[in-house]
Amino acid sequence: MNSVKRIGPGLVLCLLLSIPSVLLGRLFPVVGGPVFAILAGMLVSLVLKDRTRYQAGIAFTSKKILQYAVILLGFGLNLSEIAKVGAKSLPIICTTVSMSLIIAFLIRKWLKMPNNISVLVGVGSSICGGSAIAATAPVIGADDEEIVQSISVIFLFNILAALLFPTLGGMMGMSNEGFGLFAGTAINDTSSVTAAASTWDTLHNTNGAVLEYATIVKLTRTLAIIPITLALAFWRTWQVKRGGAVSNGSFDLKKIFPFFILFFVLASIITTVSTMAGVNPALFQAFKTLSKYFIILAMAAIGLNTNLVKLVKTGGKPIFMGVCCWVGITCASLIMQHVQGLL
């Protein structure tokens, strides 16, 4: 009962901000509910000077609810469907993910950027935008301002890709399958992938075939969350050990290891096995939808914890990194399609 009273006010505040964000996200899918939630949270934080009553609930929402969202995301992954598309898309996905992470690493060294924001921008650009950032942030101990910066960068290039890629694909004479691969491997967030693929379907009268194909490619990319987060967990463990925290007894692997990712994998396996056994996939749609709502709820909390003035002042380097990652991923996707004879 005490814990409910402690986190209740902040949780309700985040919920109140998330409801209009969901509605606006439906009206403007290229922008998406999470971005509206972050903006709403940042605007409220400017006028809400004393957050003592709300802080426990805001912290719970930005951390725990975010992890629950990632777990529920696993119910949207049917591994058997992904395996059908994986043969063609996997080499491109591996190349684009590697390209983004390498670029982020090099720019971090060059511009002497903070580790966390560099990891979040690199992972968000290479895997699946907000979902990857949501999964990675707890593992590396990123704070809310770092999460907002990285989400903002991903959002900017999501919009550009959704607007420009269908025209670019048409100018290059891409096939339907080629554009599906291009959208699924080079656009960060699922909402923008579906927006670009839907535009292509409308322009080329494909009856939704490209949208379905691009979405499966994008979900295949989402699986990269698993090895990336586990690798980051072990990297952070090594960093802590090297810093001497083990010797004084302050290090605890259980506090760092991303156990929620294991539940994410379990959810994917449950979905796959159930579908193979004849269970209607629509049964899991509620979990997938709830995952999206949880992410929006968590983004409202993260917006509330963000210093807007500081964000504007420090946003230049992350945006530059985002540009480089985005261009690198786009070029890598096109080159790999050419190598495979798909372009």
Protein backbone atom coordinates (compact mmCIF):
# COMPACT_ATOMS: atom_id res chain seq x y z
CA MET A 1 0.00 0.00 0.00
CA ASN A 2 2.84 2.38 0.85
CA SER A 3 4.53 1.71 -2.48
CA VAL A 4 1.27 2.51 -4.33
CA LYS A 5 1.00 5.83 -2.50
CA ARG A 6 4.66 6.53 -3.25
CA ILE A 7 4.61 5.87 -7.00
CA GLY A 8 0.91 6.61 -7.65
CA PRO A 9 1.00 10.39 -8.24
CA GLY A 10 3.92 10.22 -10.68
CA LEU A 11 2.47 7.24 -12.52
CA VAL A 12 -0.89 9.00 -12.91
CA LEU A 13 0.84 12.14 -14.20
CA CYS A 14 2.69 10.09 -16.84
CA LEU A 15 -0.57 8.36 -17.77
CA LEU A 16 -2.33 11.70 -18.24
CA LEU A 17 0.44 12.84 -20.58
CA SER A 18 0.50 9.56 -22.49
CA ILE A 19 -3.21 9.54 -23.45
CA PRO A 20 -3.10 12.60 -25.76
CA SER A 21 0.29 11.42 -27.02
CA VAL A 22 -1.25 8.12 -28.16
CA LEU A 23 -4.02 9.98 -29.98
CA LEU A 24 -1.59 12.39 -31.65
CA GLY A 25 0.63 9.46 -32.62
CA ARG A 26 -2.31 7.91 -34.46
CA LEU A 27 -3.03 11.17 -36.28
CA PHE A 28 0.64 11.69 -37.18
CA PRO A 29 2.21 8.19 -37.40
CA VAL A 30 5.42 9.47 -38.98
CA VAL A 31 6.11 11.38 -35.74
CA GLY A 32 4.74 8.68 -33.42
CA GLY A 33 3.34 8.63 -29.89
CA PRO A 34 6.71 8.30 -28.09
CA VAL A 35 8.00 11.59 -29.50
CA PHE A 36 4.79 13.41 -28.57
CA ALA A 37 5.07 11.94 -25.06
CA ILE A 38 8.66 13.16 -24.67
CA LEU A 39 7.67 16.65 -25.84
CA ALA A 40 4.67 16.72 -23.48
CA GLY A 41 6.83 15.65 -20.56
CA MET A 42 9.49 18.27 -21.30
CA LEU A 43 6.87 21.04 -21.55
CA VAL A 44 5.26 20.05 -18.24
CA SER A 45 8.68 19.89 -16.57
CA LEU A 46 9.16 23.58 -17.38
CA VAL A 47 6.18 24.57 -15.22
CA LEU A 48 6.27 21.79 -12.61
CA LYS A 49 8.98 23.17 -10.36
CA ASP A 50 8.42 20.99 -7.28
CA ARG A 51 8.34 17.34 -8.37
CA THR A 52 8.98 15.78 -4.97
CA ARG A 53 5.53 14.22 -4.80
CA TYR A 54 5.80 12.79 -8.32
CA GLN A 55 9.45 11.79 -8.56
CA ALA A 56 9.16 8.20 -7.29
CA GLY A 57 6.41 7.41 -9.80
CA ILE A 58 8.25 9.13 -12.63
CA ALA A 59 11.40 7.11 -11.86
CA PHE A 60 9.42 3.85 -11.70
CA THR A 61 7.75 4.59 -15.04
CA SER A 62 10.95 5.59 -16.84
CA LYS A 63 12.81 2.47 -15.67
CA LYS A 64 10.50 -0.45 -14.85
CA ILE A 65 7.67 0.29 -17.27
CA LEU A 66 10.27 0.69 -20.02
CA GLN A 67 11.61 -2.80 -19.30
CA TYR A 68 8.09 -4.27 -19.25
CA ALA A 69 7.54 -2.67 -22.67
CA VAL A 70 10.57 -4.48 -24.10
CA ILE A 71 9.38 -7.82 -22.69
CA LEU A 72 5.94 -7.39 -24.26
CA LEU A 73 7.59 -6.45 -27.54
CA GLY A 74 8.74 -10.07 -27.78
CA PHE A 75 5.15 -11.20 -28.33
CA GLY A 76 5.24 -9.44 -31.69
CA LEU A 77 8.08 -11.62 -32.96
CA ASN A 78 7.27 -14.89 -34.69
CA LEU A 79 10.68 -16.49 -35.16
CA SER A 80 9.46 -18.91 -37.84
CA GLU A 81 8.19 -16.04 -40.02
CA ILE A 82 11.43 -14.16 -39.49
CA ALA A 83 13.44 -17.24 -40.53
CA LYS A 84 11.74 -17.26 -43.95
CA VAL A 85 12.93 -13.76 -44.74
CA GLY A 86 16.23 -14.00 -42.88
CA ALA A 87 18.23 -15.68 -45.64
CA LYS A 88 18.11 -12.59 -47.84
CA SER A 89 17.92 -9.89 -45.22
CA LEU A 90 20.38 -11.19 -42.60
CA PRO A 91 23.62 -10.31 -44.49
CA ILE A 92 22.29 -6.78 -45.10
CA ILE A 93 21.15 -6.43 -41.48
CA CYS A 94 24.52 -7.58 -40.12
CA THR A 95 26.31 -5.11 -42.40
CA THR A 96 24.11 -2.13 -41.53
CA VAL A 97 24.22 -2.85 -37.79
CA SER A 98 28.01 -3.20 -37.86
CA MET A 99 28.38 -0.05 -39.96
CA SER A 100 26.35 2.06 -37.55
CA LEU A 101 28.16 0.81 -34.45
CA ILE A 102 31.59 1.34 -36.03
CA ILE A 103 30.68 4.88 -37.13
CA ALA A 104 29.34 5.70 -33.66
CA PHE A 105 32.52 4.36 -32.05
CA LEU A 106 34.82 6.36 -34.35
CA ILE A 107 32.87 9.60 -33.92
CA ARG A 108 32.80 9.13 -30.14
CA LYS A 109 36.58 8.91 -30.18
CA TRP A 110 36.95 11.84 -32.56
CA LEU A 111 34.56 14.24 -30.82
CA LYS A 112 35.20 12.88 -27.30
CA MET A 113 31.49 12.29 -26.74
CA PRO A 114 30.07 10.60 -23.61
CA ASN A 115 29.94 6.80 -23.85
CA ASN A 116 26.23 6.37 -23.11
CA ILE A 117 24.84 8.80 -25.69
CA SER A 118 27.18 7.35 -28.31
CA VAL A 119 26.02 3.80 -27.59
CA LEU A 120 22.35 4.79 -27.63
CA VAL A 121 22.58 6.68 -30.93
CA GLY A 122 24.60 3.86 -32.52
CA VAL A 123 22.27 1.12 -31.31
CA GLY A 124 19.11 3.12 -32.02
CA SER A 125 20.26 3.90 -35.55
CA SER A 126 21.34 0.37 -36.35
CA ILE A 127 18.61 -1.81 -34.82
CA CYS A 128 15.14 -0.45 -34.20
CA GLY A 129 15.11 3.10 -32.95
CA GLY A 130 13.19 3.67 -29.73
CA SER A 131 12.78 -0.02 -28.89
CA ALA A 132 16.54 -0.62 -29.05
CA ILE A 133 17.20 2.48 -26.96
CA ALA A 134 14.60 1.31 -24.45
CA ALA A 135 16.33 -2.07 -24.16
CA THR A 136 19.87 -0.71 -24.04
CA ALA A 137 19.45 2.25 -21.66
CA PRO A 138 18.94 0.18 -18.46
CA VAL A 139 21.88 -2.06 -19.34
CA ILE A 140 24.41 0.77 -19.65
CA GLY A 141 22.88 2.91 -16.89
CA ALA A 142 21.94 5.81 -19.20
CA ASP A 143 20.16 8.76 -17.60
CA ASP A 144 16.92 10.28 -18.89
CA GLU A 145 18.57 13.19 -20.70
CA GLU A 146 20.79 10.80 -22.64
CA ILE A 147 17.74 8.74 -23.60
CA VAL A 148 15.87 11.85 -24.78
CA GLN A 149 18.82 13.06 -26.83
CA SER A 150 19.18 9.74 -28.60
CA ILE A 151 15.41 9.36 -29.17
CA SER A 152 15.31 12.90 -30.61
CA VAL A 153 18.13 12.12 -33.05
CA ILE A 154 16.46 8.90 -34.19
CA PHE A 155 13.13 10.71 -34.58
CA LEU A 156 14.65 13.36 -36.86
CA PHE A 157 16.07 10.85 -39.31
CA ASN A 158 13.01 8.59 -39.10
CA ILE A 159 10.90 11.42 -40.50
CA LEU A 160 13.41 12.22 -43.25
CA ALA A 161 13.63 8.55 -44.26
CA ALA A 162 9.86 8.03 -44.29
CA LEU A 163 9.42 11.09 -46.53
CA LEU A 164 12.40 10.64 -48.86
CA PHE A 165 12.97 6.89 -49.27
CA PRO A 166 9.92 6.04 -51.43
CA THR A 167 10.96 8.74 -53.92
CA LEU A 168 14.60 7.66 -53.76
CA GLY A 169 13.65 4.03 -54.33
CA GLY A 170 11.52 4.98 -57.33
CA MET A 171 14.32 7.05 -58.84
CA MET A 172 16.69 4.08 -58.47
CA GLY A 173 14.20 1.73 -60.12
CA MET A 174 13.93 -0.60 -57.12
CA SER A 175 11.74 -3.68 -57.25
CA ASN A 176 9.04 -4.19 -54.62
CA GLU A 177 11.21 -6.72 -52.82
CA GLY A 178 14.23 -4.44 -53.10
CA PHE A 179 12.41 -1.51 -51.53
CA GLY A 180 11.05 -3.75 -48.78
CA LEU A 181 14.61 -4.76 -47.91
CA PHE A 182 15.79 -1.16 -48.19
CA ALA A 183 13.08 0.20 -45.88
CA GLY A 184 13.41 -2.66 -43.40
CA THR A 185 17.19 -2.40 -43.11
CA ALA A 186 17.86 1.34 -43.47
CA ILE A 187 15.00 3.01 -41.55
CA ASN A 188 15.30 2.96 -37.78
CA ASP A 189 11.87 2.86 -36.15
CA THR A 190 9.04 0.48 -36.99
CA SER A 191 6.50 3.30 -37.39
CA SER A 192 8.63 4.99 -40.04
CA VAL A 193 9.31 1.68 -41.80
CA THR A 194 5.58 1.08 -42.09
CA ALA A 195 4.98 4.69 -43.20
CA ALA A 196 7.56 4.44 -46.01
CA ALA A 197 6.40 0.96 -47.09
CA SER A 198 2.74 2.05 -47.07
CA THR A 199 3.62 5.02 -49.28
CA TRP A 200 5.40 2.69 -51.70
CA ASP A 201 2.41 0.34 -51.77
CA THR A 202 0.12 3.28 -52.57
CA LEU A 203 2.38 4.61 -55.31
CA HIS A 204 2.91 1.21 -56.96
CA ASN A 205 -0.45 -0.51 -56.26
CA THR A 206 1.08 -3.55 -54.55
CA ASN A 207 -1.87 -4.29 -52.22
CA GLY A 208 0.23 -4.11 -49.05
CA ALA A 209 2.83 -6.69 -50.09
CA VAL A 210 5.81 -4.36 -49.52
CA LEU A 211 4.46 -3.28 -46.12
CA GLU A 212 4.27 -6.89 -44.94
CA TYR A 213 7.73 -7.75 -46.28
CA ALA A 214 9.42 -4.62 -44.90
CA THR A 215 7.83 -5.20 -41.48
CA ILE A 216 9.19 -8.75 -41.28
CA VAL A 217 12.66 -7.52 -42.28
CA LYS A 218 12.40 -4.85 -39.58
CA LEU A 219 11.37 -7.42 -36.97
CA THR A 220 14.36 -9.53 -37.98
CA ARG A 221 16.54 -6.51 -37.21
CA THR A 222 14.85 -6.26 -33.81
CA LEU A 223 16.38 -9.59 -32.81
CA ALA A 224 19.78 -7.88 -32.80
CA ILE A 225 18.66 -6.36 -29.48
CA ILE A 226 19.52 -9.68 -27.83
CA PRO A 227 23.25 -10.03 -28.64
CA ILE A 228 23.85 -6.28 -28.43
CA THR A 229 22.38 -5.85 -24.94
CA LEU A 230 24.06 -8.98 -23.62
CA ALA A 231 27.41 -7.85 -25.03
CA LEU A 232 26.96 -4.41 -23.45
CA ALA A 233 26.10 -6.02 -20.11
CA PHE A 234 29.33 -8.02 -20.12
CA TRP A 235 31.28 -4.98 -21.31
CA ARG A 236 29.92 -2.95 -18.40
CA THR A 237 30.77 -5.81 -16.05
CA TRP A 238 34.35 -5.75 -17.32
CA GLN A 239 34.51 -1.97 -16.92
CA VAL A 240 33.33 -2.19 -13.32
CA LYS A 241 35.80 -4.98 -12.52
CA ARG A 242 38.63 -3.01 -14.09
CA GLY A 243 37.66 -0.04 -11.91
CA GLY A 244 38.19 -2.11 -8.77
CA ALA A 245 34.59 -2.24 -7.59
CA VAL A 246 34.79 -6.00 -7.09
CA SER A 247 37.53 -5.78 -4.49
CA ASN A 248 35.51 -3.58 -2.14
CA GLY A 249 32.38 -5.68 -2.51
CA SER A 250 30.27 -3.02 -4.27
CA PHE A 251 29.80 -4.90 -7.55
CA ASP A 252 26.75 -7.07 -8.14
CA LEU A 253 26.29 -8.70 -11.56
CA LYS A 254 22.56 -9.20 -10.91
CA LYS A 255 22.08 -5.44 -10.85
CA ILE A 256 23.66 -5.03 -14.29
CA PHE A 257 22.63 -8.15 -16.21
CA PRO A 258 19.55 -7.44 -18.42
CA PHE A 259 17.26 -10.23 -17.20
CA PHE A 260 14.33 -8.53 -18.92
CA ILE A 261 15.95 -9.42 -22.26
CA LEU A 262 15.69 -13.10 -21.33
CA PHE A 263 11.94 -12.60 -20.82
CA PHE A 264 11.84 -10.84 -24.20
CA VAL A 265 13.36 -13.98 -25.78
CA LEU A 266 10.92 -16.19 -23.87
CA ALA A 267 7.97 -14.13 -25.14
CA SER A 268 9.22 -14.57 -28.72
CA ILE A 269 9.54 -18.33 -28.24
CA ILE A 270 6.04 -18.57 -26.74
CA THR A 271 4.59 -16.70 -29.73
CA THR A 272 6.45 -18.89 -32.22
CA VAL A 273 5.56 -22.23 -30.60
CA SER A 274 1.93 -21.23 -30.06
CA THR A 275 1.52 -20.15 -33.68
CA MET A 276 3.08 -23.39 -34.93
CA ALA A 277 0.62 -25.27 -32.73
CA GLY A 278 -2.29 -23.55 -34.46
CA VAL A 279 -3.02 -20.77 -31.99
CA ASN A 280 -4.38 -17.63 -33.67
CA PRO A 281 -1.57 -14.99 -33.79
CA ALA A 282 -4.19 -12.34 -33.04
CA LEU A 283 -4.18 -13.66 -29.47
CA PHE A 284 -0.82 -11.95 -28.92
CA GLN A 285 -1.81 -8.66 -30.55
CA ALA A 286 -2.96 -7.24 -27.22
CA PHE A 287 0.54 -7.73 -25.73
CA LYS A 288 2.13 -6.04 -28.74
CA THR A 289 -0.27 -3.10 -28.47
CA LEU A 290 0.31 -2.84 -24.72
CA SER A 291 4.06 -2.70 -25.40
CA LYS A 292 3.58 0.39 -27.56
CA TYR A 293 1.50 2.06 -24.83
CA PHE A 294 4.11 1.24 -22.20
CA ILE A 295 6.86 2.81 -24.33
CA ILE A 296 4.78 5.98 -24.70
CA LEU A 297 4.12 6.00 -20.95
CA ALA A 298 7.84 5.64 -20.22
CA MET A 299 8.76 8.37 -22.71
CA ALA A 300 6.41 10.78 -20.90
CA ALA A 301 8.31 10.05 -17.69
CA ILE A 302 11.66 10.52 -19.40
CA GLY A 303 10.46 13.85 -20.80
CA LEU A 304 9.51 14.97 -17.28
CA ASN A 305 13.06 14.24 -16.11
CA THR A 306 14.69 16.18 -18.96
CA ASN A 307 16.27 19.61 -18.83
CA LEU A 308 15.09 21.14 -22.12
CA VAL A 309 17.57 24.03 -22.06
CA LYS A 310 20.53 21.69 -21.51
CA LEU A 311 19.23 19.37 -24.23
CA VAL A 312 19.22 22.16 -26.81
CA LYS A 313 22.70 23.32 -25.82
CA THR A 314 24.28 19.86 -26.01
CA GLY A 315 22.38 18.39 -28.98
CA GLY A 316 24.81 19.25 -31.80
CA LYS A 317 27.23 16.34 -31.52
CA PRO A 318 24.56 13.60 -31.18
CA ILE A 319 22.78 14.98 -34.27
CA PHE A 320 26.04 14.91 -36.23
CA MET A 321 26.60 11.33 -35.12
CA GLY A 322 23.05 10.48 -36.16
CA VAL A 323 23.64 11.96 -39.63
CA CYS A 324 26.77 9.88 -40.11
CA CYS A 325 25.12 6.67 -38.87
CA TRP A 326 22.07 7.25 -41.06
CA VAL A 327 24.11 7.90 -44.21
CA GLY A 328 26.35 4.92 -43.44
CA ILE A 329 23.39 2.55 -42.95
CA THR A 330 21.68 3.77 -46.12
CA CYS A 331 24.81 3.31 -48.24
CA ALA A 332 25.57 -0.08 -46.68
CA SER A 333 22.05 -1.34 -47.40
CA LEU A 334 22.21 -0.24 -51.04
CA ILE A 335 25.71 -1.65 -51.57
CA MET A 336 24.78 -5.02 -50.05
CA GLN A 337 21.68 -5.27 -52.21
CA HIS A 338 23.84 -4.55 -55.26
CA VAL A 339 26.34 -7.22 -54.20
CA GLN A 340 23.53 -9.75 -53.78
CA GLY A 341 22.06 -8.84 -57.17
CA LEU A 342 18.83 -7.52 -55.65
CA LEU A 343 19.21 -3.95 -56.89
